[in-house]
């Protein structure tokens, strides 16, 4: 019997639309250890479809057509060490939006905006929190301050310009 989805895909597969998919794939490889699975490039060099694997998820990408507005993706990435991966993402050219912070629901969470405007939540589950404990933590001043920080980051999600190293497309 044929499976309803291809082998290796999750039920939800994100798309990232980028002004420079080739450079974004390079960033994802350096920042998050992405493995490129393939790309379809037309005669003018435009990537019409590409896929990478990050951890156990496949992410699909393509170059935005001329005239399209920026379409930043917001993605959550669970990793073994949020602090190390955030440092790696910054070294690869990302901009920190929020430093890694321990939140009430039991995750360490940091955020980085990649050079192409996409926002990545980098998270590590460090504890399982019961519903009762979570309710208590919502009123804990330390966890309340942590959530306030995440809701009002030091760096704007959309700050700065989305760069493209390919230059304008013609025709």
Protein backbone atom coordinates (compact mmCIF):
# COMPACT_ATOMS: atom_id res chain seq x y z
CA UNK A 1 0.00 0.00 0.00
CA UNK A 2 1.25 3.49 -0.86
CA UNK A 3 1.82 5.82 2.08
CA UNK A 4 -0.12 9.10 1.94
CA UNK A 5 3.16 11.04 2.14
CA UNK A 6 6.65 10.41 0.78
CA UNK A 7 9.18 8.63 2.97
CA UNK A 8 11.14 11.05 5.14
CA UNK A 9 8.58 13.88 5.07
CA UNK A 10 6.62 15.09 8.07
CA UNK A 11 2.91 15.83 7.82
CA UNK A 12 3.63 19.56 7.60
CA UNK A 13 6.53 20.60 5.37
CA UNK A 14 7.54 24.27 5.44
CA UNK A 15 8.40 26.34 2.37
CA UNK A 16 10.88 29.18 2.52
CA UNK A 17 10.64 31.69 -0.31
CA UNK A 18 13.86 33.63 -0.69
CA UNK A 19 15.36 36.28 -2.95
CA UNK A 20 18.52 34.12 -3.00
CA UNK A 21 17.79 30.46 -2.30
CA UNK A 22 21.32 29.27 -3.18
CA UNK A 23 22.86 31.57 -0.56
CA UNK A 24 20.13 30.68 1.94
CA UNK A 25 20.96 26.98 1.51
CA UNK A 26 24.61 27.82 2.20
CA UNK A 27 23.54 29.65 5.39
CA UNK A 28 21.31 26.76 6.52
CA UNK A 29 24.16 24.33 5.96
CA UNK A 30 26.61 26.39 8.03
CA UNK A 31 24.15 27.48 10.73
CA UNK A 32 22.05 24.36 11.24
CA UNK A 33 23.89 21.51 9.51
CA UNK A 34 21.33 21.31 6.69
CA UNK A 35 21.87 18.61 4.08
CA UNK A 36 20.86 19.61 0.56
CA UNK A 37 18.65 16.95 -1.01
CA UNK A 38 18.34 18.56 -4.42
CA UNK A 39 17.44 21.63 -6.44
CA UNK A 40 15.82 22.41 -9.77
CA UNK A 41 17.40 25.39 -11.54
CA UNK A 42 16.12 26.93 -14.76
CA UNK A 43 18.28 28.21 -17.63
CA UNK A 44 18.53 31.69 -16.07
CA UNK A 45 19.76 30.33 -12.73
CA UNK A 46 16.49 30.70 -10.83
CA UNK A 47 15.83 27.96 -8.30
CA UNK A 48 12.27 26.78 -8.85
CA UNK A 49 12.44 24.09 -6.16
CA UNK A 50 15.01 22.92 -3.63
CA UNK A 51 14.92 20.72 -0.56
CA UNK A 52 17.15 20.45 2.49
CA UNK A 53 16.99 18.21 5.53
CA UNK A 54 17.52 19.83 8.92
CA UNK A 55 17.48 17.20 11.64
CA UNK A 56 14.52 14.96 10.85
CA UNK A 57 12.58 17.56 8.82
CA UNK A 58 12.61 18.45 5.16
CA UNK A 59 12.35 22.14 4.28
CA UNK A 60 11.46 23.17 0.74
CA UNK A 61 12.68 26.43 -0.81
CA UNK A 62 12.42 28.44 -4.00
CA UNK A 63 13.51 31.81 -5.38
CA UNK A 64 10.88 34.51 -5.13
CA UNK A 65 9.68 35.81 -8.48
CA UNK A 66 10.54 39.41 -9.40
CA UNK A 67 8.24 41.89 -7.70
CA UNK A 68 7.18 39.59 -4.87
CA UNK A 69 7.25 41.21 -1.44
CA UNK A 70 9.46 39.68 1.23
CA UNK A 71 7.81 36.57 2.71
CA UNK A 72 9.75 35.76 5.87
CA UNK A 73 9.24 32.33 7.39
CA UNK A 74 8.95 31.77 11.13
CA UNK A 75 10.38 28.37 12.06
CA UNK A 76 10.92 26.46 15.29
CA UNK A 77 14.02 24.28 15.37
CA UNK A 78 14.49 21.83 18.25
CA UNK A 79 18.17 21.04 18.86
CA UNK A 80 20.25 19.32 21.50
CA UNK A 81 22.05 22.52 22.56
CA UNK A 82 20.20 25.79 21.88
CA UNK A 83 23.09 27.95 23.03
CA UNK A 84 25.64 26.27 20.77
CA UNK A 85 23.33 26.34 17.74
CA UNK A 86 22.48 30.02 18.34
CA UNK A 87 26.21 30.83 18.40
CA UNK A 88 26.69 28.82 15.21
CA UNK A 89 23.78 30.65 13.50
CA UNK A 90 25.29 34.02 14.46
CA UNK A 91 28.72 33.00 13.20
CA UNK A 92 27.09 32.03 9.88
CA UNK A 93 25.67 35.56 9.52
CA UNK A 94 22.44 35.59 11.52
CA UNK A 95 21.35 38.37 13.87
CA UNK A 96 20.25 37.58 17.42
CA UNK A 97 16.65 38.57 18.14
CA UNK A 98 16.50 37.00 21.60
CA UNK A 99 19.27 35.41 23.63
CA UNK A 100 18.62 31.86 24.82
CA UNK A 101 16.18 32.12 27.73
CA UNK A 102 14.63 29.52 30.06
CA UNK A 103 10.85 29.76 29.63
CA UNK A 104 8.10 28.51 31.91
CA UNK A 105 7.04 25.57 29.74
CA UNK A 106 10.44 23.89 30.08
CA UNK A 107 12.38 24.98 26.99
CA UNK A 108 15.49 27.05 26.46
CA UNK A 109 14.56 29.38 23.58
CA UNK A 110 16.63 31.80 21.53
CA UNK A 111 15.77 33.49 18.26
CA UNK A 112 17.88 34.45 15.27
CA UNK A 113 17.00 36.25 12.05
CA UNK A 114 18.90 34.77 9.14
CA UNK A 115 20.48 37.04 6.49
CA UNK A 116 17.36 36.63 4.31
CA UNK A 117 14.78 37.75 6.86
CA UNK A 118 13.55 34.40 8.20
CA UNK A 119 13.09 34.06 11.95
CA UNK A 120 14.28 30.88 13.67
CA UNK A 121 13.21 29.86 17.18
CA UNK A 122 16.08 27.67 18.40
CA UNK A 123 14.88 25.50 21.25
CA UNK A 124 15.97 22.72 23.59
CA UNK A 125 13.54 20.96 25.94
CA UNK A 126 15.30 20.80 29.30
CA UNK A 127 12.42 19.68 31.50
CA UNK A 128 8.91 18.32 31.35
CA UNK A 129 6.56 20.65 33.19
CA UNK A 130 3.21 19.53 34.59
CA UNK A 131 0.11 21.65 34.05
CA UNK A 132 0.12 22.53 37.76
CA UNK A 133 3.75 23.63 37.70
CA UNK A 134 3.20 25.63 34.52
CA UNK A 135 0.27 27.44 36.15
CA UNK A 136 2.50 28.29 39.12
CA UNK A 137 5.30 29.47 36.86
CA UNK A 138 3.11 31.95 35.00
CA UNK A 139 2.96 33.99 38.21
CA UNK A 140 6.65 33.51 39.09
CA UNK A 141 8.45 36.87 38.62
CA UNK A 142 11.50 35.26 37.01
CA UNK A 143 9.49 33.34 34.42
CA UNK A 144 7.22 36.37 33.86
CA UNK A 145 10.29 38.50 33.12
CA UNK A 146 11.64 35.84 30.74
CA UNK A 147 8.38 35.81 28.80
CA UNK A 148 8.27 39.62 28.74
CA UNK A 149 11.78 39.62 27.26
CA UNK A 150 10.73 37.15 24.55
CA UNK A 151 7.64 39.21 23.72
CA UNK A 152 9.65 42.45 23.49
CA UNK A 153 12.99 41.48 21.98
CA UNK A 154 15.96 43.81 21.75
CA UNK A 155 16.15 43.29 17.98
CA UNK A 156 13.17 43.84 15.72
CA UNK A 157 11.97 40.72 13.90
CA UNK A 158 11.94 42.58 10.62
CA UNK A 159 14.75 45.07 11.22
CA UNK A 160 17.27 45.73 8.52
CA UNK A 161 17.13 44.99 4.88
CA UNK A 162 16.81 41.53 3.38
CA UNK A 163 19.91 41.09 1.28
CA UNK A 164 20.30 39.36 -2.04
CA UNK A 165 23.71 38.52 -3.45
CA UNK A 166 22.27 37.61 -6.85
CA UNK A 167 21.26 41.09 -7.91
CA UNK A 168 18.12 41.99 -9.84
CA UNK A 169 16.59 39.50 -12.28
CA UNK A 170 15.65 40.52 -15.78
CA UNK A 171 13.21 39.23 -18.36
